[in-house]
């Protein structure tokens, strides 16, 4: 999708030529590509792009794709994969300066759908506030690529107009459906997710092994942080979760896709979870800040929950 509004100011960005123009002996780790709302005009160079998806087509292992400040249409899909030693990085050169917004007559239910492995998405503002027709977003940032990292992003006003069905949705989802593992969601701000009284839309929805840490999550229609499906081997640490209508944190597994469960080897530590379950009267349903529901077996340890601050403010 193309950018829709030009950025202001001048930001230097050292970029290489598109991948197919690089000499065959060019080391992948040295590749930088640039994205600007004005494309080639932004830097006076044909090596820059006006959409993230277009730039991703030229990304090879080790590439850093710099996205300059400005407004870009969502419905992005990225499939390029890095390697353990040379990951691909999508970086907003100014934190939250690159804003992803709904396109007119949207055809995608996601602002950004990443399937690439060894990929980092860093520093974007995913803003679903201005619905412009078509398919409404039910997910802000979705990643299913193994060893992918979603970090330092602000994801907000997602799924307010999406249908409230069992298909669900989230601000950020780390998904095991395509057998991705070791997916990390770290240091993000996630807020105002889901329509009022919709219990199927969550702040962070994690179904793959990995880490959910240092996130601030608030004003969510479902759970603040929700584990399900093939969730196992996950660390949930140092998050702050507040004002989630159903509950602050659910640890569990079910409706298994690629495993048979249980949701074990889960560590929940040093989180602040308070003033959640705001849609339920005190003492009813899941009216606690942290709720653990994890099956375990005699041969494998279940979840470990420690040093969390769990309060209800009434």
C-alpha atoms as a PDB file:
ATOM      1  CA  UNK A   1       0.000   0.000   0.000  1.00  0.00           C
ATOM      2  CA  UNK A   2       1.246   3.481  -0.774  1.00  0.00           C
ATOM      3  CA  UNK A   3       1.840   6.296   1.639  1.00  0.00           C
ATOM      4  CA  UNK A   4      -0.898   8.888   1.748  1.00  0.00           C
ATOM      5  CA  UNK A   5       0.594  11.940   3.456  1.00  0.00           C
ATOM      6  CA  UNK A   6       4.100  13.372   3.065  1.00  0.00           C
ATOM      7  CA  UNK A   7       6.383  13.838   6.043  1.00  0.00           C
ATOM      8  CA  UNK A   8       7.931  17.155   6.942  1.00  0.00           C
ATOM      9  CA  UNK A   9      11.533  18.018   7.470  1.00  0.00           C
ATOM     10  CA  UNK A  10      14.661  16.332   6.205  1.00  0.00           C
ATOM     11  CA  UNK A  11      16.060  13.165   7.736  1.00  0.00           C
ATOM     12  CA  UNK A  12      19.228  11.593   6.472  1.00  0.00           C
ATOM     13  CA  UNK A  13      19.008   7.933   5.609  1.00  0.00           C
ATOM     14  CA  UNK A  14      21.895   6.039   4.073  1.00  0.00           C
ATOM     15  CA  UNK A  15      20.428   3.513   1.675  1.00  0.00           C
ATOM     16  CA  UNK A  16      21.715   0.966  -0.758  1.00  0.00           C
ATOM     17  CA  UNK A  17      20.302   0.200  -4.168  1.00  0.00           C
ATOM     18  CA  UNK A  18      17.471  -2.332  -4.430  1.00  0.00           C
ATOM     19  CA  UNK A  19      18.567  -5.893  -3.878  1.00  0.00           C
ATOM     20  CA  UNK A  20      18.604  -7.087  -7.469  1.00  0.00           C
ATOM     21  CA  UNK A  21      20.955  -4.222  -8.384  1.00  0.00           C
ATOM     22  CA  UNK A  22      23.531  -5.053  -5.731  1.00  0.00           C
ATOM     23  CA  UNK A  23      26.782  -6.711  -6.809  1.00  0.00           C
ATOM     24  CA  UNK A  24      26.738 -10.419  -6.113  1.00  0.00           C
ATOM     25  CA  UNK A  25      29.583 -10.021  -3.622  1.00  0.00           C
ATOM     26  CA  UNK A  26      27.790  -7.306  -1.616  1.00  0.00           C
ATOM     27  CA  UNK A  27      27.446  -8.532   2.009  1.00  0.00           C
ATOM     28  CA  UNK A  28      23.818  -8.731   3.026  1.00  0.00           C
ATOM     29  CA  UNK A  29      24.510  -7.319   6.478  1.00  0.00           C
ATOM     30  CA  UNK A  30      25.422  -3.932   4.945  1.00  0.00           C
ATOM     31  CA  UNK A  31      22.114  -3.359   3.125  1.00  0.00           C
ATOM     32  CA  UNK A  32      20.001  -0.361   4.146  1.00  0.00           C
ATOM     33  CA  UNK A  33      16.761   0.487   2.384  1.00  0.00           C
ATOM     34  CA  UNK A  34      14.592   3.546   2.950  1.00  0.00           C
ATOM     35  CA  UNK A  35      10.868   4.202   2.888  1.00  0.00           C
ATOM     36  CA  UNK A  36       9.404   7.703   2.692  1.00  0.00           C
ATOM     37  CA  UNK A  37       5.905   8.992   1.958  1.00  0.00           C
ATOM     38  CA  UNK A  38       7.439  10.756  -1.045  1.00  0.00           C
ATOM     39  CA  UNK A  39       9.412   7.747  -2.233  1.00  0.00           C
ATOM     40  CA  UNK A  40      12.397   8.604  -4.427  1.00  0.00           C
ATOM     41  CA  UNK A  41      11.692  12.338  -4.116  1.00  0.00           C
ATOM     42  CA  UNK A  42      12.384  12.257  -0.383  1.00  0.00           C
ATOM     43  CA  UNK A  43      16.104  11.719  -0.831  1.00  0.00           C
ATOM     44  CA  UNK A  44      16.501  12.597  -4.473  1.00  0.00           C
ATOM     45  CA  UNK A  45      17.420   8.980  -5.041  1.00  0.00           C
ATOM     46  CA  UNK A  46      15.664   6.121  -6.871  1.00  0.00           C
ATOM     47  CA  UNK A  47      16.777   3.697  -4.172  1.00  0.00           C
ATOM     48  CA  UNK A  48      14.041   4.727  -1.731  1.00  0.00           C
ATOM     49  CA  UNK A  49      10.466   3.409  -1.689  1.00  0.00           C
ATOM     50  CA  UNK A  50       7.085   4.857  -0.807  1.00  0.00           C
ATOM     51  CA  UNK A  51       5.701   1.762   0.942  1.00  0.00           C
ATOM     52  CA  UNK A  52       6.972  -0.715   3.496  1.00  0.00           C
ATOM     53  CA  UNK A  53       5.604  -3.650   1.542  1.00  0.00           C
ATOM     54  CA  UNK A  54       7.408  -2.588  -1.625  1.00  0.00           C
ATOM     55  CA  UNK A  55      10.724  -2.205   0.223  1.00  0.00           C
ATOM     56  CA  UNK A  56      10.277  -5.610   1.856  1.00  0.00           C
ATOM     57  CA  UNK A  57      10.319  -7.266  -1.570  1.00  0.00           C
ATOM     58  CA  UNK A  58      13.983  -6.244  -1.902  1.00  0.00           C
ATOM     59  CA  UNK A  59      15.017  -7.089   1.659  1.00  0.00           C
ATOM     60  CA  UNK A  60      17.671  -9.771   2.078  1.00  0.00           C
ATOM     61  CA  UNK A  61      19.093 -11.182   5.324  1.00  0.00           C
ATOM     62  CA  UNK A  62      20.841  -8.420   7.241  1.00  0.00           C
ATOM     63  CA  UNK A  63      18.810  -5.587   5.724  1.00  0.00           C
ATOM     64  CA  UNK A  64      17.575  -2.659   7.776  1.00  0.00           C
ATOM     65  CA  UNK A  65      14.568  -0.936   6.279  1.00  0.00           C
ATOM     66  CA  UNK A  66      14.404   2.625   7.583  1.00  0.00           C
ATOM     67  CA  UNK A  67      10.942   4.159   7.544  1.00  0.00           C
ATOM     68  CA  UNK A  68      10.936   7.960   7.676  1.00  0.00           C
ATOM     69  CA  UNK A  69       8.280   9.916   9.580  1.00  0.00           C
ATOM     70  CA  UNK A  70       4.959  10.214   7.809  1.00  0.00           C
ATOM     71  CA  UNK A  71       1.619   8.489   7.343  1.00  0.00           C
ATOM     72  CA  UNK A  72       1.426   5.157   5.515  1.00  0.00           C
ATOM     73  CA  UNK A  73      -1.541   3.005   4.592  1.00  0.00           C
ATOM     74  CA  UNK A  74      -1.937  -0.295   6.417  1.00  0.00           C
ATOM     75  CA  UNK A  75      -2.848  -3.687   5.085  1.00  0.00           C
ATOM     76  CA  UNK A  76       0.880  -4.430   4.890  1.00  0.00           C
ATOM     77  CA  UNK A  77       2.143  -7.987   4.389  1.00  0.00           C
ATOM     78  CA  UNK A  78       5.828  -8.809   4.762  1.00  0.00           C
ATOM     79  CA  UNK A  79       7.211 -12.267   4.010  1.00  0.00           C
ATOM     80  CA  UNK A  80      10.982 -11.758   3.688  1.00  0.00           C
ATOM     81  CA  UNK A  81      13.037 -13.688   6.244  1.00  0.00           C
ATOM     82  CA  UNK A  82      16.389 -12.984   7.798  1.00  0.00           C
ATOM     83  CA  UNK A  83      18.679 -15.432   9.560  1.00  0.00           C
ATOM     84  CA  UNK A  84      19.870 -15.832  13.129  1.00  0.00           C
ATOM     85  CA  UNK A  85      23.055 -13.865  12.396  1.00  0.00           C
ATOM     86  CA  UNK A  86      21.497 -11.454   9.883  1.00  0.00           C
ATOM     87  CA  UNK A  87      17.899 -10.595  10.799  1.00  0.00           C
ATOM     88  CA  UNK A  88      15.764  -8.161   8.816  1.00  0.00           C
ATOM     89  CA  UNK A  89      14.801  -5.010  10.728  1.00  0.00           C
ATOM     90  CA  UNK A  90      11.924  -2.632   9.957  1.00  0.00           C
ATOM     91  CA  UNK A  91      12.686   0.520  11.932  1.00  0.00           C
ATOM     92  CA  UNK A  92      10.785   3.766  12.296  1.00  0.00           C
ATOM     93  CA  UNK A  93      13.724   6.175  12.290  1.00  0.00           C
ATOM     94  CA  UNK A  94      11.820   8.416  14.707  1.00  0.00           C
ATOM     95  CA  UNK A  95      10.009   6.421  17.391  1.00  0.00           C
ATOM     96  CA  UNK A  96       6.281   6.488  16.540  1.00  0.00           C
ATOM     97  CA  UNK A  97       7.054   8.915  13.737  1.00  0.00           C
ATOM     98  CA  UNK A  98       6.005   6.428  11.052  1.00  0.00           C
ATOM     99  CA  UNK A  99       2.253   6.055  11.454  1.00  0.00           C
ATOM    100  CA  UNK A 100       0.263   3.194   9.909  1.00  0.00           C
ATOM    101  CA  UNK A 101      -3.408   4.083   9.285  1.00  0.00           C
ATOM    102  CA  UNK A 102      -6.372   2.332   7.639  1.00  0.00           C
ATOM    103  CA  UNK A 103      -6.576   2.568   3.872  1.00  0.00           C
ATOM    104  CA  UNK A 104      -9.718   3.608   2.078  1.00  0.00           C
ATOM    105  CA  UNK A 105     -11.867   0.573   1.307  1.00  0.00           C
ATOM    106  CA  UNK A 106      -9.493  -1.702   3.211  1.00  0.00           C
ATOM    107  CA  UNK A 107      -9.126  -5.287   2.019  1.00  0.00           C
ATOM    108  CA  UNK A 108      -7.160  -6.508   5.047  1.00  0.00           C
ATOM    109  CA  UNK A 109      -8.191  -7.264   8.622  1.00  0.00           C
ATOM    110  CA  UNK A 110      -4.696  -6.417   9.862  1.00  0.00           C
ATOM    111  CA  UNK A 111      -2.619  -3.280   9.869  1.00  0.00           C
ATOM    112  CA  UNK A 112       0.567  -5.326   9.429  1.00  0.00           C
ATOM    113  CA  UNK A 113       0.790  -9.059   8.775  1.00  0.00           C
ATOM    114  CA  UNK A 114       4.342 -10.402   9.069  1.00  0.00           C
ATOM    115  CA  UNK A 115       5.127 -13.974   8.060  1.00  0.00           C
ATOM    116  CA  UNK A 116       8.914 -13.551   7.799  1.00  0.00           C
ATOM    117  CA  UNK A 117      11.239 -15.279  10.268  1.00  0.00           C
ATOM    118  CA  UNK A 118      14.074 -13.494  12.064  1.00  0.00           C
ATOM    119  CA  UNK A 119      12.345 -10.146  11.648  1.00  0.00           C
ATOM    120  CA  UNK A 120      12.145  -7.152  13.996  1.00  0.00           C
ATOM    121  CA  UNK A 121       9.401  -4.499  13.782  1.00  0.00           C
ATOM    122  CA  UNK A 122      10.543  -1.518  15.829  1.00  0.00           C
ATOM    123  CA  UNK A 123       9.053   1.824  16.784  1.00  0.00           C
ATOM    124  CA  UNK A 124       5.849   2.286  14.729  1.00  0.00           C
ATOM    125  CA  UNK A 125       2.564   3.977  15.555  1.00  0.00           C
ATOM    126  CA  UNK A 126      -0.262   1.643  14.507  1.00  0.00           C
ATOM    127  CA  UNK A 127      -3.317   3.895  14.610  1.00  0.00           C
ATOM    128  CA  UNK A 128      -6.687   2.405  13.692  1.00  0.00           C
ATOM    129  CA  UNK A 129      -8.776   5.375  14.769  1.00  0.00           C
ATOM    130  CA  UNK A 130      -9.843   6.651  11.346  1.00  0.00           C
ATOM    131  CA  UNK A 131     -11.786   3.841   9.691  1.00  0.00           C
ATOM    132  CA  UNK A 132     -12.163   4.650   5.982  1.00  0.00           C
ATOM    133  CA  UNK A 133     -14.332   1.814   4.693  1.00  0.00           C
ATOM    134  CA  UNK A 134     -13.868  -1.795   3.669  1.00  0.00           C
ATOM    135  CA  UNK A 135     -12.644  -4.470   6.050  1.00  0.00           C
ATOM    136  CA  UNK A 136     -12.059  -3.049   9.539  1.00  0.00           C
ATOM    137  CA  UNK A 137      -8.853  -4.059  11.293  1.00  0.00           C
ATOM    138  CA  UNK A 138      -9.283  -6.712  13.950  1.00  0.00           C
ATOM    139  CA  UNK A 139      -5.517  -6.967  14.566  1.00  0.00           C
ATOM    140  CA  UNK A 140      -2.906  -4.240  14.681  1.00  0.00           C
ATOM    141  CA  UNK A 141       0.466  -5.994  14.473  1.00  0.00           C
ATOM    142  CA  UNK A 142       0.399  -9.706  13.640  1.00  0.00           C
ATOM    143  CA  UNK A 143       3.530 -11.807  13.419  1.00  0.00           C
ATOM    144  CA  UNK A 144       3.790 -15.530  12.761  1.00  0.00           C
ATOM    145  CA  UNK A 145       7.436 -15.712  11.733  1.00  0.00           C
ATOM    146  CA  UNK A 146       9.781 -17.692  13.949  1.00  0.00           C
ATOM    147  CA  UNK A 147      12.217 -15.622  15.990  1.00  0.00           C
ATOM    148  CA  UNK A 148      10.376 -12.408  15.214  1.00  0.00           C
ATOM    149  CA  UNK A 149      10.333  -9.419  17.564  1.00  0.00           C
ATOM    150  CA  UNK A 150       7.695  -6.701  17.910  1.00  0.00           C
ATOM    151  CA  UNK A 151       9.150  -3.906  20.020  1.00  0.00           C
ATOM    152  CA  UNK A 152       8.778  -0.239  20.951  1.00  0.00           C
ATOM    153  CA  UNK A 153       5.537   0.196  19.012  1.00  0.00           C
ATOM    154  CA  UNK A 154       2.380   2.056  19.961  1.00  0.00           C
ATOM    155  CA  UNK A 155      -0.728   0.145  18.867  1.00  0.00           C
ATOM    156  CA  UNK A 156      -4.081   1.750  19.543  1.00  0.00           C
ATOM    157  CA  UNK A 157      -7.715   2.154  18.528  1.00  0.00           C
ATOM    158  CA  UNK A 158      -7.856  -1.266  16.883  1.00  0.00           C
ATOM    159  CA  UNK A 159     -11.022  -3.325  16.230  1.00  0.00           C
ATOM    160  CA  UNK A 160     -13.493  -0.714  17.463  1.00  0.00           C
ATOM    161  CA  UNK A 161     -15.672  -1.419  14.415  1.00  0.00           C
ATOM    162  CA  UNK A 162     -14.669  -5.051  13.795  1.00  0.00           C
ATOM    163  CA  UNK A 163     -17.318  -7.762  14.243  1.00  0.00           C
ATOM    164  CA  UNK A 164     -17.321  -9.210  17.751  1.00  0.00           C
ATOM    165  CA  UNK A 165     -17.057 -12.920  16.947  1.00  0.00           C
ATOM    166  CA  UNK A 166     -15.018 -15.930  17.976  1.00  0.00           C
ATOM    167  CA  UNK A 167     -12.590 -15.052  15.190  1.00  0.00           C
ATOM    168  CA  UNK A 168     -11.170 -12.633  17.723  1.00  0.00           C
ATOM    169  CA  UNK A 169      -8.574  -9.936  17.416  1.00  0.00           C
ATOM    170  CA  UNK A 170      -5.831  -8.093  19.278  1.00  0.00           C
ATOM    171  CA  UNK A 171      -3.597  -5.089  19.345  1.00  0.00           C
ATOM    172  CA  UNK A 172      -0.595  -7.387  18.884  1.00  0.00           C
ATOM    173  CA  UNK A 173      -0.631 -11.113  18.157  1.00  0.00           C
ATOM    174  CA  UNK A 174       2.282 -13.543  18.190  1.00  0.00           C
ATOM    175  CA  UNK A 175       0.883 -16.610  16.472  1.00  0.00           C
ATOM    176  CA  UNK A 176       1.961 -20.231  16.200  1.00  0.00           C
ATOM    177  CA  UNK A 177      -0.519 -21.109  13.446  1.00  0.00           C
ATOM    178  CA  UNK A 178       2.217 -21.325  10.788  1.00  0.00           C
ATOM    179  CA  UNK A 179       4.496 -23.150  13.274  1.00  0.00           C
ATOM    180  CA  UNK A 180       6.431 -20.034  14.216  1.00  0.00           C
ATOM    181  CA  UNK A 181       8.202 -20.177  17.573  1.00  0.00           C
ATOM    182  CA  UNK A 182      10.232 -17.831  19.774  1.00  0.00           C
ATOM    183  CA  UNK A 183       8.107 -14.784  19.073  1.00  0.00           C
ATOM    184  CA  UNK A 184       8.791 -11.829  21.371  1.00  0.00           C
ATOM    185  CA  UNK A 185       6.511  -8.859  22.165  1.00  0.00           C
ATOM    186  CA  UNK A 186       8.593  -6.387  24.140  1.00  0.00           C
ATOM    187  CA  UNK A 187       8.315  -2.766  25.250  1.00  0.00           C
ATOM    188  CA  UNK A 188       5.123  -1.825  23.399  1.00  0.00           C
ATOM    189  CA  UNK A 189       2.261   0.480  24.403  1.00  0.00           C
ATOM    190  CA  UNK A 190      -1.101  -1.084  23.551  1.00  0.00           C
ATOM    191  CA  UNK A 191      -4.335   0.734  24.330  1.00  0.00           C
ATOM    192  CA  UNK A 192      -7.950   1.250  23.332  1.00  0.00           C
ATOM    193  CA  UNK A 193      -8.397  -2.136  21.689  1.00  0.00           C
ATOM    194  CA  UNK A 194     -11.808  -3.610  20.855  1.00  0.00           C
ATOM    195  CA  UNK A 195     -15.399  -2.417  20.959  1.00  0.00           C
ATOM    196  CA  UNK A 196     -17.166  -2.057  24.284  1.00  0.00           C
ATOM    197  CA  UNK A 197     -18.376  -5.373  25.720  1.00  0.00           C
ATOM    198  CA  UNK A 198     -16.522  -7.467  23.111  1.00  0.00           C
ATOM    199  CA  UNK A 199     -14.804 -10.242  25.051  1.00  0.00           C
ATOM    200  CA  UNK A 200     -13.018 -11.700  22.010  1.00  0.00           C
ATOM    201  CA  UNK A 201     -10.617  -8.796  21.390  1.00  0.00           C
ATOM    202  CA  UNK A 202      -7.473  -8.619  23.526  1.00  0.00           C
ATOM    203  CA  UNK A 203      -4.498  -6.365  24.066  1.00  0.00           C
ATOM    204  CA  UNK A 204      -1.701  -8.874  23.432  1.00  0.00           C
ATOM    205  CA  UNK A 205      -2.628 -12.364  22.242  1.00  0.00           C
ATOM    206  CA  UNK A 206       0.201 -14.890  22.335  1.00  0.00           C
ATOM    207  CA  UNK A 207      -0.111 -18.455  21.078  1.00  0.00           C
ATOM    208  CA  UNK A 208       3.580 -19.186  20.363  1.00  0.00           C
ATOM    209  CA  UNK A 209       6.576 -19.760  22.643  1.00  0.00           C
ATOM    210  CA  UNK A 210       8.431 -16.549  23.365  1.00  0.00           C
ATOM    211  CA  UNK A 211       8.501 -13.531  25.661  1.00  0.00           C
ATOM    212  CA  UNK A 212       5.894 -10.897  26.518  1.00  0.00           C
ATOM    213  CA  UNK A 213       7.719  -8.278  28.556  1.00  0.00           C
ATOM    214  CA  UNK A 214       7.872  -4.604  29.485  1.00  0.00           C
ATOM    215  CA  UNK A 215       4.590  -3.745  27.772  1.00  0.00           C
ATOM    216  CA  UNK A 216       2.028  -1.172  28.912  1.00  0.00           C
ATOM    217  CA  UNK A 217      -1.505  -2.379  28.150  1.00  0.00           C
ATOM    218  CA  UNK A 218      -4.707  -0.502  28.996  1.00  0.00           C
ATOM    219  CA  UNK A 219      -8.336   0.037  28.022  1.00  0.00           C
ATOM    220  CA  UNK A 220      -8.915  -3.348  26.400  1.00  0.00           C
ATOM    221  CA  UNK A 221     -12.365  -4.845  25.747  1.00  0.00           C
ATOM    222  CA  UNK A 222     -11.246  -8.425  26.464  1.00  0.00           C
ATOM    223  CA  UNK A 223      -8.143  -9.568  28.341  1.00  0.00           C
ATOM    224  CA  UNK A 224      -5.075  -7.366  28.619  1.00  0.00           C
ATOM    225  CA  UNK A 225      -2.713 -10.278  27.896  1.00  0.00           C
ATOM    226  CA  UNK A 226      -4.159 -13.607  26.767  1.00  0.00           C
ATOM    227  CA  UNK A 227      -2.338 -16.901  26.081  1.00  0.00           C
ATOM    228  CA  UNK A 228      -4.167 -19.646  24.206  1.00  0.00           C
ATOM    229  CA  UNK A 229      -3.944 -22.354  21.553  1.00  0.00           C
ATOM    230  CA  UNK A 230      -0.351 -23.741  21.532  1.00  0.00           C
ATOM    231  CA  UNK A 231       0.982 -21.397  24.226  1.00  0.00           C
ATOM    232  CA  UNK A 232       3.913 -22.900  26.132  1.00  0.00           C
ATOM    233  CA  UNK A 233       7.468 -21.938  27.071  1.00  0.00           C
ATOM    234  CA  UNK A 234       6.510 -18.285  27.520  1.00  0.00           C
ATOM    235  CA  UNK A 235       7.862 -15.680  29.906  1.00  0.00           C
ATOM    236  CA  UNK A 236       5.469 -12.885  30.898  1.00  0.00           C
ATOM    237  CA  UNK A 237       7.416 -10.307  32.872  1.00  0.00           C
ATOM    238  CA  UNK A 238       7.484  -6.647  33.862  1.00  0.00           C
ATOM    239  CA  UNK A 239       4.219  -5.753  32.129  1.00  0.00           C
ATOM    240  CA  UNK A 240       1.679  -3.229  33.391  1.00  0.00           C
ATOM    241  CA  UNK A 241      -1.952  -4.082  32.592  1.00  0.00           C
ATOM    242  CA  UNK A 242      -4.872  -1.856  33.627  1.00  0.00           C
ATOM    243  CA  UNK A 243      -8.524  -1.316  32.690  1.00  0.00           C
ATOM    244  CA  UNK A 244      -9.092  -4.505  30.716  1.00  0.00           C
ATOM    245  CA  UNK A 245     -12.781  -5.315  30.769  1.00  0.00           C
ATOM    246  CA  UNK A 246     -12.622  -9.109  31.193  1.00  0.00           C
ATOM    247  CA  UNK A 247      -9.336  -9.506  33.080  1.00  0.00           C
ATOM    248  CA  UNK A 248      -5.695  -8.540  33.192  1.00  0.00           C
ATOM    249  CA  UNK A 249      -3.928 -11.792  32.314  1.00  0.00           C
ATOM    250  CA  UNK A 250      -5.037 -15.236  31.223  1.00  0.00           C
ATOM    251  CA  UNK A 251      -2.542 -18.079  31.057  1.00  0.00           C
ATOM    252  CA  UNK A 252      -3.950 -21.122  29.337  1.00  0.00           C
ATOM    253  CA  UNK A 253      -4.112 -23.303  26.287  1.00  0.00           C
ATOM    254  CA  UNK A 254      -6.788 -25.042  24.263  1.00  0.00           C
ATOM    255  CA  UNK A 255      -8.168 -25.428  20.773  1.00  0.00           C
ATOM    256  CA  UNK A 256      -4.696 -26.715  19.952  1.00  0.00           C
ATOM    257  CA  UNK A 257      -3.385 -26.314  16.421  1.00  0.00           C
ATOM    258  CA  UNK A 258       0.118 -27.763  16.195  1.00  0.00           C
ATOM    259  CA  UNK A 259       0.480 -29.276  19.674  1.00  0.00           C
ATOM    260  CA  UNK A 260      -1.649 -31.256  22.077  1.00  0.00           C
ATOM    261  CA  UNK A 261      -0.883 -29.040  25.070  1.00  0.00           C
ATOM    262  CA  UNK A 262      -0.658 -28.379  27.907  1.00  0.00           C
ATOM    263  CA  UNK A 263       0.144 -24.692  28.459  1.00  0.00           C
ATOM    264  CA  UNK A 264       3.191 -25.365  30.573  1.00  0.00           C
ATOM    265  CA  UNK A 265       6.683 -23.945  31.079  1.00  0.00           C
ATOM    266  CA  UNK A 266       5.117 -20.521  31.519  1.00  0.00           C
ATOM    267  CA  UNK A 267       6.727 -17.973  33.856  1.00  0.00           C
ATOM    268  CA  UNK A 268       4.702 -14.981  35.080  1.00  0.00           C
ATOM    269  CA  UNK A 269       6.831 -12.601  37.126  1.00  0.00           C
ATOM    270  CA  UNK A 270       7.088  -8.983  38.252  1.00  0.00           C
ATOM    271  CA  UNK A 271       3.968  -7.721  36.511  1.00  0.00           C
ATOM    272  CA  UNK A 272       1.664  -4.945  37.728  1.00  0.00           C
ATOM    273  CA  UNK A 273      -1.937  -5.910  36.974  1.00  0.00           C
ATOM    274  CA  UNK A 274      -4.681  -3.768  38.470  1.00  0.00           C
ATOM    275  CA  UNK A 275      -8.197  -2.359  38.044  1.00  0.00           C
ATOM    276  CA  UNK A 276      -9.200  -4.954  35.478  1.00  0.00           C
ATOM    277  CA  UNK A 277     -12.479  -6.875  35.039  1.00  0.00           C
ATOM    278  CA  UNK A 278     -14.150  -3.472  35.012  1.00  0.00           C
ATOM    279  CA  UNK A 279     -17.171  -4.787  33.090  1.00  0.00           C
ATOM    280  CA  UNK A 280     -18.127  -7.250  35.838  1.00  0.00           C
ATOM    281  CA  UNK A 281     -19.423  -6.662  39.357  1.00  0.00           C
ATOM    282  CA  UNK A 282     -16.879  -7.288  42.096  1.00  0.00           C
ATOM    283  CA  UNK A 283     -16.559 -10.982  42.906  1.00  0.00           C
ATOM    284  CA  UNK A 284     -18.160 -12.231  39.696  1.00  0.00           C
ATOM    285  CA  UNK A 285     -16.552 -14.086  36.827  1.00  0.00           C
ATOM    286  CA  UNK A 286     -12.878 -13.283  36.393  1.00  0.00           C
ATOM    287  CA  UNK A 287     -12.853 -10.260  38.648  1.00  0.00           C
ATOM    288  CA  UNK A 288      -9.165 -10.527  39.483  1.00  0.00           C
ATOM    289  CA  UNK A 289      -6.194  -8.841  37.884  1.00  0.00           C
ATOM    290  CA  UNK A 290      -4.286 -12.046  37.133  1.00  0.00           C
ATOM    291  CA  UNK A 291      -6.034 -15.309  36.407  1.00  0.00           C
ATOM    292  CA  UNK A 292      -4.130 -18.487  35.744  1.00  0.00           C
ATOM    293  CA  UNK A 293      -5.728 -21.358  33.901  1.00  0.00           C
ATOM    294  CA  UNK A 294      -3.016 -23.762  32.791  1.00  0.00           C
ATOM    295  CA  UNK A 295      -3.189 -27.497  32.334  1.00  0.00           C
ATOM    296  CA  UNK A 296      -0.127 -29.455  33.406  1.00  0.00           C
ATOM    297  CA  UNK A 297       1.111 -33.002  33.349  1.00  0.00           C
ATOM    298  CA  UNK A 298       3.055 -34.989  35.889  1.00  0.00           C
ATOM    299  CA  UNK A 299       6.117 -35.042  33.667  1.00  0.00           C
ATOM    300  CA  UNK A 300       6.229 -31.336  32.805  1.00  0.00           C
ATOM    301  CA  UNK A 301       6.095 -28.337  35.127  1.00  0.00           C
ATOM    302  CA  UNK A 302       3.078 -26.045  34.974  1.00  0.00           C
ATOM    303  CA  UNK A 303       3.265 -22.276  35.156  1.00  0.00           C
ATOM    304  CA  UNK A 304       5.326 -20.416  37.729  1.00  0.00           C
ATOM    305  CA  UNK A 305       3.697 -17.234  39.050  1.00  0.00           C
ATOM    306  CA  UNK A 306       5.750 -14.983  41.317  1.00  0.00           C
ATOM    307  CA  UNK A 307       6.284 -11.426  42.514  1.00  0.00           C
ATOM    308  CA  UNK A 308       3.311  -9.936  40.683  1.00  0.00           C
ATOM    309  CA  UNK A 309       1.348  -7.006  42.032  1.00  0.00           C
ATOM    310  CA  UNK A 310      -2.329  -7.849  41.646  1.00  0.00           C
ATOM    311  CA  UNK A 311      -4.797  -5.230  42.875  1.00  0.00           C
ATOM    312  CA  UNK A 312      -8.375  -4.202  42.272  1.00  0.00           C
ATOM    313  CA  UNK A 313      -8.994  -0.473  42.625  1.00  0.00           C
ATOM    314  CA  UNK A 314     -12.641   0.253  43.419  1.00  0.00           C
END
